[in-house]
Amino acid sequence: MSRMTATESASNWDVVIVGAGMAGASLALRLLQPEAGRALRVLLLEREGQPGAHSTGRSAAMYMPSYGPPAARALTRASRAFYETPPDGFTHQPLLTPRGVLYVAAPGQGEAMDALHDELAPACAGLQRWDAAATLARAPCLRPDQVMGALWDPESTDIDVQALHQGFLRGFRRAGGTVRCGAAVAAAQRDGSGDWLVQMDDGSTAATRTLVNAAGAWGDVLAGLCGVAPVGLVPRRRSAFTFRAPEGVATAGWPAVVGVDEGWYFKPDARQLLGSPANADDTVPHDVRP
């Protein structure tokens, strides 16, 4: 590859963010908010034809302060105020709607349920222990012989990921930001003054003082294109599937149901059910297909 040089055709930006998923889009809007302190020229680059084609558009769509490792739960709790009261004009529909989650223990998983309860209780004020009868009343599809009891977390809700993501993108554009889709980074390097010159695969270039890597699964790939040492990101593949409930079975009011060891889950989704074995298989960055 020949060394790039800045030219008069290169567009100049204060910040270039690579990746217009949830992370990149939310940062882009935050940089252009009045409290940022000064007017910035921000470019948001997306390699796909539209933002949110990968992890952002394929989540289980739940706000769950009781799910995941402690750091993830803390970040989830810290975001609640924004979701409940987003800025004026951010969205015209609620971002959160009630759902609740049951962490179900099978026979022999009593110790696992106790341990999860003790871990979650300090940060989940509404956490409750339910016996088998109460659990089956809320999730009647479960096999009675496979239910010992459950933990009920009423704080977990559905989250409208599409409305959230589009709110960030819409607000960013409204504040003067620029989104370019179909713009994959081919290479990037710093010049003598410390500025980055970013070259896209269509031959266009962008010069910037600050380059942000929000490329998700492609994070280490992008780092390599920039001559930056990778940090060891390993993308992980999770399988999920949708299926119809039996005819006449009303599922819209069911909670999300998760194994107490977080080894499986299912929940109502778009008039069907969404299920997953909650696997996390090491893979490489790619457009995941069944």
Protein backbone atom coordinates (compact mmCIF):
# COMPACT_ATOMS: atom_id res chain seq x y z
CA MET A 1 0.00 0.00 0.00
CA SER A 2 1.40 3.39 -0.93
CA ARG A 3 1.70 5.98 1.81
CA MET A 4 -1.26 8.33 1.94
CA THR A 5 -0.77 12.07 1.84
CA ALA A 6 -3.24 14.78 2.82
CA THR A 7 -4.72 16.54 -0.17
CA GLU A 8 -7.03 19.46 -0.72
CA SER A 9 -9.78 16.92 -1.51
CA ALA A 10 -9.67 15.46 2.00
CA SER A 11 -12.54 16.66 4.17
CA ASN A 12 -11.51 17.97 7.60
CA TRP A 13 -13.25 17.01 10.84
CA ASP A 14 -12.69 17.49 14.55
CA VAL A 15 -13.79 13.91 15.26
CA VAL A 16 -14.34 10.90 13.00
CA ILE A 17 -16.20 7.97 14.58
CA VAL A 18 -16.00 4.61 12.83
CA GLY A 19 -19.11 2.54 13.44
CA ALA A 20 -22.67 3.91 13.60
CA GLY A 21 -24.14 1.29 15.90
CA MET A 22 -25.39 2.14 19.39
CA ALA A 23 -21.95 3.03 20.77
CA GLY A 24 -20.89 5.23 17.87
CA ALA A 25 -24.26 6.93 17.42
CA SER A 26 -24.69 7.74 21.12
CA LEU A 27 -21.18 9.18 21.37
CA ALA A 28 -21.73 11.20 18.19
CA LEU A 29 -24.80 12.91 19.63
CA ARG A 30 -23.15 13.53 22.99
CA LEU A 31 -20.23 15.31 21.31
CA LEU A 32 -22.63 17.77 19.68
CA GLN A 33 -24.68 18.57 22.76
CA PRO A 34 -24.33 22.14 24.17
CA GLU A 35 -22.49 20.95 27.29
CA ALA A 36 -19.67 19.69 25.05
CA GLY A 37 -18.38 23.25 25.30
CA ARG A 38 -17.64 24.10 21.69
CA ALA A 39 -18.94 23.46 18.20
CA LEU A 40 -17.39 20.35 16.68
CA ARG A 41 -17.44 18.95 13.15
CA VAL A 42 -18.19 15.25 13.64
CA LEU A 43 -18.33 12.57 10.95
CA LEU A 44 -19.94 9.19 11.69
CA LEU A 45 -18.81 6.45 9.30
CA GLU A 46 -20.72 3.19 8.73
CA ARG A 47 -19.41 0.42 6.49
CA GLU A 48 -22.86 -1.11 5.93
CA GLY A 49 -25.68 0.34 3.88
CA GLN A 50 -27.49 1.40 7.05
CA PRO A 51 -26.52 1.84 10.71
CA GLY A 52 -27.24 -0.89 13.26
CA ALA A 53 -26.93 -3.87 10.90
CA HIS A 54 -25.05 -6.07 13.36
CA SER A 55 -25.11 -6.27 17.19
CA THR A 56 -27.30 -3.18 17.65
CA GLY A 57 -30.05 -4.59 15.44
CA ARG A 58 -29.86 -8.14 16.80
CA SER A 59 -30.17 -7.79 20.55
CA ALA A 60 -32.74 -9.40 22.83
CA ALA A 61 -34.15 -5.88 23.36
CA MET A 62 -34.31 -5.95 27.16
CA TYR A 63 -33.32 -3.43 29.82
CA MET A 64 -32.15 -5.80 32.56
CA PRO A 65 -30.29 -4.33 35.56
CA SER A 66 -30.09 -7.87 36.98
CA TYR A 67 -28.39 -9.49 33.97
CA GLY A 68 -24.73 -9.93 33.12
CA PRO A 69 -21.50 -9.32 35.05
CA PRO A 70 -21.39 -6.62 37.76
CA ALA A 71 -19.88 -3.94 35.51
CA ALA A 72 -22.58 -4.44 32.88
CA ARG A 73 -25.32 -4.29 35.51
CA ALA A 74 -23.88 -1.03 36.89
CA LEU A 75 -23.85 0.54 33.43
CA THR A 76 -27.42 -0.62 32.86
CA ARG A 77 -28.64 0.97 36.08
CA ALA A 78 -26.79 4.20 35.29
CA SER A 79 -28.66 4.51 31.99
CA ARG A 80 -32.18 4.18 33.36
CA ALA A 81 -32.88 7.88 33.91
CA PHE A 82 -32.07 8.61 30.26
CA TYR A 83 -34.37 5.84 29.02
CA GLU A 84 -37.24 6.92 31.27
CA THR A 85 -36.87 10.63 30.47
CA PRO A 86 -35.04 11.13 27.18
CA PRO A 87 -34.36 14.67 25.92
CA ASP A 88 -37.23 16.57 24.29
CA GLY A 89 -37.69 15.47 20.70
CA PHE A 90 -35.50 12.38 21.09
CA THR A 91 -38.38 9.98 20.49
CA HIS A 92 -42.16 10.06 20.24
CA GLN A 93 -42.70 6.69 21.94
CA PRO A 94 -41.68 5.13 25.25
CA LEU A 95 -38.25 3.52 25.25
CA LEU A 96 -39.14 1.15 28.10
CA THR A 97 -42.29 -0.96 28.55
CA PRO A 98 -43.01 -3.36 31.42
CA ARG A 99 -41.95 -6.99 31.08
CA GLY A 100 -40.16 -8.37 34.15
CA VAL A 101 -37.86 -11.36 34.20
CA LEU A 102 -38.00 -14.72 35.96
CA TYR A 103 -34.73 -16.45 36.79
CA VAL A 104 -35.92 -20.05 36.97
CA ALA A 105 -34.21 -22.73 39.05
CA ALA A 106 -34.66 -26.40 38.20
CA PRO A 107 -34.47 -29.12 40.87
CA GLY A 108 -30.93 -29.24 42.17
CA GLN A 109 -30.25 -25.54 41.44
CA GLY A 110 -31.20 -24.22 44.87
CA GLU A 111 -27.66 -23.14 45.71
CA ALA A 112 -27.34 -21.36 42.36
CA MET A 113 -30.60 -19.49 43.04
CA ASP A 114 -29.42 -18.50 46.53
CA ALA A 115 -26.10 -17.25 45.17
CA LEU A 116 -27.80 -15.21 42.44
CA HIS A 117 -30.23 -13.75 44.96
CA ASP A 118 -27.41 -12.66 47.27
CA GLU A 119 -25.54 -11.13 44.33
CA LEU A 120 -28.50 -9.22 42.89
CA ALA A 121 -30.40 -8.16 46.01
CA PRO A 122 -28.21 -5.14 46.95
CA ALA A 123 -28.89 -3.46 43.59
CA CYS A 124 -32.37 -4.85 42.75
CA ALA A 125 -34.73 -3.50 45.39
CA GLY A 126 -37.77 -5.29 43.97
CA LEU A 127 -36.17 -8.74 43.73
CA GLN A 128 -38.45 -11.51 45.07
CA ARG A 129 -38.20 -15.23 45.69
CA TRP A 130 -41.05 -17.23 44.20
CA ASP A 131 -41.98 -20.84 44.81
CA ALA A 132 -42.81 -23.29 42.03
CA ALA A 133 -46.54 -22.51 42.08
CA ALA A 134 -46.04 -18.75 41.68
CA THR A 135 -43.47 -19.33 38.96
CA LEU A 136 -45.75 -21.63 36.96
CA ALA A 137 -48.64 -19.20 37.32
CA ARG A 138 -46.57 -16.50 35.61
CA ALA A 139 -44.90 -18.81 33.06
CA PRO A 140 -47.41 -21.63 32.49
CA CYS A 141 -45.45 -23.10 29.58
CA LEU A 142 -42.76 -24.47 31.91
CA ARG A 143 -42.76 -28.15 32.84
CA PRO A 144 -43.76 -28.46 36.52
CA ASP A 145 -41.20 -31.21 37.15
CA GLN A 146 -38.43 -28.85 35.97
CA VAL A 147 -39.30 -25.93 38.25
CA MET A 148 -38.08 -25.61 41.84
CA GLY A 149 -38.68 -21.87 42.10
CA ALA A 150 -37.52 -18.56 40.68
CA LEU A 151 -36.29 -15.06 41.36
CA TRP A 152 -38.64 -12.35 40.09
CA ASP A 153 -37.11 -9.07 38.94
CA PRO A 154 -39.92 -6.60 38.15
CA GLU A 155 -37.50 -3.81 37.17
CA SER A 156 -36.46 -5.44 33.89
CA THR A 157 -38.35 -4.13 30.89
CA ASP A 158 -38.52 -4.35 27.14
CA ILE A 159 -36.46 -1.65 25.43
CA ASP A 160 -37.24 -0.24 22.00
CA VAL A 161 -33.77 -0.57 20.51
CA GLN A 162 -34.84 0.84 17.14
CA ALA A 163 -36.35 3.97 18.69
CA LEU A 164 -33.28 4.43 20.90
CA HIS A 165 -30.80 4.05 18.06
CA GLN A 166 -32.77 6.26 15.68
CA GLY A 167 -33.12 8.88 18.40
CA PHE A 168 -29.33 9.15 18.64
CA LEU A 169 -28.91 9.30 14.86
CA ARG A 170 -31.74 11.79 14.35
CA GLY A 171 -30.46 14.04 17.12
CA PHE A 172 -26.92 13.88 15.74
CA ARG A 173 -28.03 14.91 12.26
CA ARG A 174 -30.25 17.64 13.68
CA ALA A 175 -27.28 19.04 15.61
CA GLY A 176 -25.26 19.30 12.40
CA GLY A 177 -23.47 15.94 12.39
CA THR A 178 -22.82 13.96 9.22
CA VAL A 179 -23.49 10.24 8.72
CA ARG A 180 -21.91 8.40 5.81
CA CYS A 181 -23.06 4.83 5.12
CA GLY A 182 -21.35 2.38 2.79
CA ALA A 183 -18.03 3.89 3.87
CA ALA A 184 -15.61 1.19 4.94
CA VAL A 185 -12.21 2.30 6.24
CA ALA A 186 -9.41 0.92 4.06
CA ALA A 187 -6.50 2.48 5.97
CA ALA A 188 -5.64 5.28 8.35
CA GLN A 189 -2.40 6.84 9.48
CA ARG A 190 -1.11 9.89 11.31
CA ASP A 191 0.76 12.67 9.61
CA GLY A 192 3.61 14.67 11.07
CA SER A 193 1.28 16.98 13.01
CA GLY A 194 -0.55 14.10 14.70
CA ASP A 195 -3.71 14.33 12.62
CA TRP A 196 -5.26 11.21 11.19
CA LEU A 197 -5.85 10.76 7.49
CA VAL A 198 -8.56 8.15 6.97
CA GLN A 199 -9.00 6.53 3.58
CA MET A 200 -12.25 4.82 2.65
CA ASP A 201 -12.56 1.96 0.19
CA ASP A 202 -14.22 4.27 -2.35
CA GLY A 203 -11.06 6.39 -2.47
CA SER A 204 -12.41 9.32 -0.45
CA THR A 205 -10.46 10.60 2.55
CA ALA A 206 -11.15 12.39 5.81
CA ALA A 207 -8.65 14.24 7.99
CA THR A 208 -9.25 14.48 11.73
CA ARG A 209 -7.49 15.23 14.99
CA THR A 210 -9.45 12.50 16.83
CA LEU A 211 -10.36 9.07 15.44
CA VAL A 212 -12.76 6.92 17.47
CA ASN A 213 -12.94 3.13 17.07
CA ALA A 214 -16.58 2.10 17.60
CA ALA A 215 -16.44 -0.79 15.14
CA GLY A 216 -17.77 -3.45 17.50
CA ALA A 217 -16.69 -6.93 16.45
CA TRP A 218 -14.35 -5.32 13.92
CA GLY A 219 -12.57 -3.28 16.61
CA ASP A 220 -9.23 -5.07 16.37
CA VAL A 221 -9.47 -5.23 12.57
CA LEU A 222 -9.88 -1.46 12.43
CA ALA A 223 -6.99 -1.03 14.87
CA GLY A 224 -4.78 -3.00 12.51
CA LEU A 225 -5.78 -0.80 9.57
CA CYS A 226 -4.71 2.19 11.68
CA GLY A 227 -1.37 0.67 12.65
CA VAL A 228 -2.51 0.29 16.26
CA ALA A 229 -1.80 -2.85 18.27
CA PRO A 230 -4.92 -5.01 18.84
CA VAL A 231 -6.23 -5.45 22.37
CA GLY A 232 -7.43 -9.03 21.88
CA LEU A 233 -11.12 -8.51 21.13
CA VAL A 234 -12.81 -11.85 20.38
CA PRO A 235 -16.27 -11.60 18.76
CA ARG A 236 -18.76 -14.12 20.11
CA ARG A 237 -21.70 -15.63 18.32
CA ARG A 238 -25.01 -16.16 20.11
CA SER A 239 -27.73 -18.25 18.52
CA ALA A 240 -31.35 -17.12 18.78
CA PHE A 241 -34.54 -18.18 17.08
CA THR A 242 -38.18 -17.13 16.94
CA PHE A 243 -41.11 -19.52 17.08
CA ARG A 244 -44.87 -19.38 17.33
CA ALA A 245 -46.75 -20.34 20.48
CA PRO A 246 -49.46 -23.01 20.18
CA GLU A 247 -52.72 -21.76 18.71
CA GLY A 248 -54.84 -19.96 21.27
CA VAL A 249 -52.03 -19.48 23.82
CA ALA A 250 -51.70 -15.82 24.79
CA THR A 251 -48.03 -15.01 25.39
CA ALA A 252 -47.90 -11.20 25.19
CA GLY A 253 -48.05 -10.82 28.97
CA TRP A 254 -45.41 -13.44 29.75
CA PRO A 255 -42.17 -12.23 31.35
CA ALA A 256 -38.73 -12.93 30.00
CA VAL A 257 -37.72 -16.33 31.40
CA VAL A 258 -34.03 -17.05 32.04
CA GLY A 259 -32.29 -20.07 33.52
CA VAL A 260 -30.86 -19.26 36.92
CA ASP A 261 -27.43 -20.15 35.54
CA GLU A 262 -28.11 -17.83 32.56
CA GLY A 263 -27.75 -20.84 30.26
CA TRP A 264 -30.94 -20.20 28.26
CA TYR A 265 -33.77 -17.71 27.90
CA PHE A 266 -36.98 -16.97 26.04
CA LYS A 267 -39.33 -13.98 25.88
CA PRO A 268 -42.29 -12.67 23.89
CA ASP A 269 -41.12 -10.82 20.80
CA ALA A 270 -43.14 -9.36 17.91
CA ARG A 271 -46.16 -11.63 18.53
CA GLN A 272 -43.90 -14.67 18.65
CA LEU A 273 -41.40 -16.04 21.13
CA LEU A 274 -37.67 -15.44 20.97
CA GLY A 275 -35.47 -18.17 22.41
CA SER A 276 -31.76 -18.74 22.87
CA PRO A 277 -29.41 -21.26 24.47
CA ALA A 278 -27.39 -18.18 25.55
CA ASN A 279 -24.25 -19.53 23.95
CA ALA A 280 -21.21 -17.31 23.39
CA ASP A 281 -19.03 -19.07 20.81
CA ASP A 282 -15.73 -17.55 19.75
CA THR A 283 -15.79 -16.48 16.12
CA VAL A 284 -14.40 -13.90 13.71
CA PRO A 285 -15.98 -10.60 12.63
CA HIS A 286 -18.57 -11.32 9.95
CA ASP A 287 -22.18 -10.77 9.00
CA VAL A 288 -23.70 -13.57 11.07
CA ARG A 289 -26.19 -15.88 9.38
CA PRO A 290 -27.90 -19.05 10.63
